[in-house]
Amino acid sequence: MKALPAIDRYILRLVLGPMGAVFIIAASLLVLDKMLKLFDFVATEGGPVSVVFRMLANLLPEYASLAIPLGLLLGILLAFRKLATSSELDVMRAVGLSYTRLLRVPYAITLVLAALNLVVVGYLQPLTRYWYEQLQFELRSGALGASIKVGEFTTLQDKMALRIEQSREEGRQLIGIFARVSSPKGQVLTISAREGRFLALKDAPDTIILRLTDGQIVQDQPGQNPRVLSFSRHDLPIDLPAVEQFRKRGGVEREYILPELLRIGWSDKATQAARNETRASLNFRLVEVVMMLLLPLLAVALAVPPKRSTSFLGVFLSVVMVVAYHKVNEYGQAVAALGKVSPWLALWGPFVIFSALILWMYWRIAYVPGGQPIGALERLSANGSKWLRQLIARFRRDPAKLR
C-alpha cells in the first residue's frame, strides 16, 4: 500500500467501500429470495433444516457471477461520482491527471475480479450446480433422512403405516405412536405405544429399530382369532427403502467445466446438439468475463453528472445496462444452443455493439471538453423533474383540481 501514490490509495479506498457494500446487498437480496422457497421445499419434503443452508451455499457462485460485475461497476461509479460532486475531480484534472491515469487502480481491481469471475463461472459454478441438484434429488428420495411428518400417516416399504402424534428433541423422541404392519403371509400387526425413538444399527445400515415403550400389539392372522399383547418395551425393525444413486456430473451443459466444454464442443464423437449447447455455454461464460474489462470505462462515463447537478440517473442507467446486457447474453446462449445462430454472432455480436457504445461514451467524457455521454437524458430527466414539481405545487395551491 505504501508503494502506491497517495492519489491511488485514495481512489482505492473510495472504490472498495461501495463495492463491498454492493456485493453484500446483492448477495443478501438474492439469498433471502431463494431462502424462503427452499424452506418451503424442504418442509414439504420433510427434510432437515440444515440442508437449506447447504443448498444456499451451492447457489452462491450462481449469484456471484452477476454480483461481481455489478459490484465492480457500482463501486467505481460511486467513487468517481463522489469525486465529481465534491469538485475533487476538477482539481485532479486541472493538475494534469487524465481519466486514464485515474483508472489505474480500478483496472487493477478489475483484472483481479475478472480472473476470480472466470474461476467462478468456469469451474466453481458447474460443480456447485451439480451438488445443488444432488441435494434436491437426495431430499426427494429420502437419502437425507426425511423426518416422519407429525399427525400424518407415513408409508414405509408398502408394508408399514406409521403415525406420530408429537415429536420432541428434533425427532429423537416420538409421542403417541400408531403403526400397522403387514407381512407377505397376510399377518397384520396393529401396534400402539405411549412413546418411542429410532435407533441405528452399526452392522445393518439399511435397517433401523423403532424402540416402543408402554403399548399393545394386536396380532391378526388369517384363520385365527386376534391376539392382544401388552409390552413395556418392544423393538420393531424397519427396513429402509433403497435409495437410488444420483446421476454422474455432466448431464447438462451447465455442469461442464471449461476444459470439458472445449473437448465436447469440438469432438467428432459428440452429437451436433451437444456441440451446439457446449459451444454456446463456453462463449457465454467467456463473453461475460471479457465484458468486465470495459466496466471501468462505463462507470466513469456514467459517474460524472452535469455541473451543479446531483442526478442519480447515471447510477440507475448503469444497473439497467448491465442487467439488460446479461439478459441479452442469456437469450443469445439459448438461441445458439438450438443451433439456429452461430454463438459468435449471438454472443459476440452484442458484445461488439455494447463495447462500441461504452468506448464512445468514455471518449465523450474524457476527450471532448464539456462532453456528457448522457447529456440529453440528463436534460430530459431534469426537465421532467421540474415539470413534476410544478404540477405538485399547483395541485397543493388548488386542491379542487384533484377532484
Foldseek 3Di string as FASTA:
>chain_A
DVVDDPLLVLLVVQLVVQLVVLLVVQLVVVLVVVLVVLVVVLVVLQFDPVVSVVLSVLCVLVSCLQSLLLSLLVSLLRSVLVCQVVVVVVVCVVVPQFPVNSCPNSLVVLVVSLVVSLCSQQPSNLVSVVVSVVSVLCSNQCVRPRADDAPDWDDFPNFKTKHFPDAPPSRQKTAWIWMWGADPQGKIKTKTAGIWGWAADPVCRQKIKTKGAWIKIWIDHPPDDIDIDTDGIDIDIGGHDDGDDDDDFDPALSNHGQVVLVPQLPDPPHDPLSNQLSQLSNLLSVLSSVLSSLSSLLSNLLNNDAPPDPDCVSVVVSVVVSVVLNVQSVVLSVCSSVVNDPSCCSHVVVVVVVSVLSVVSSCQVRPPVVGHSCVVVNVVVVVVVVVVVVVVVVCVVPVVVVD
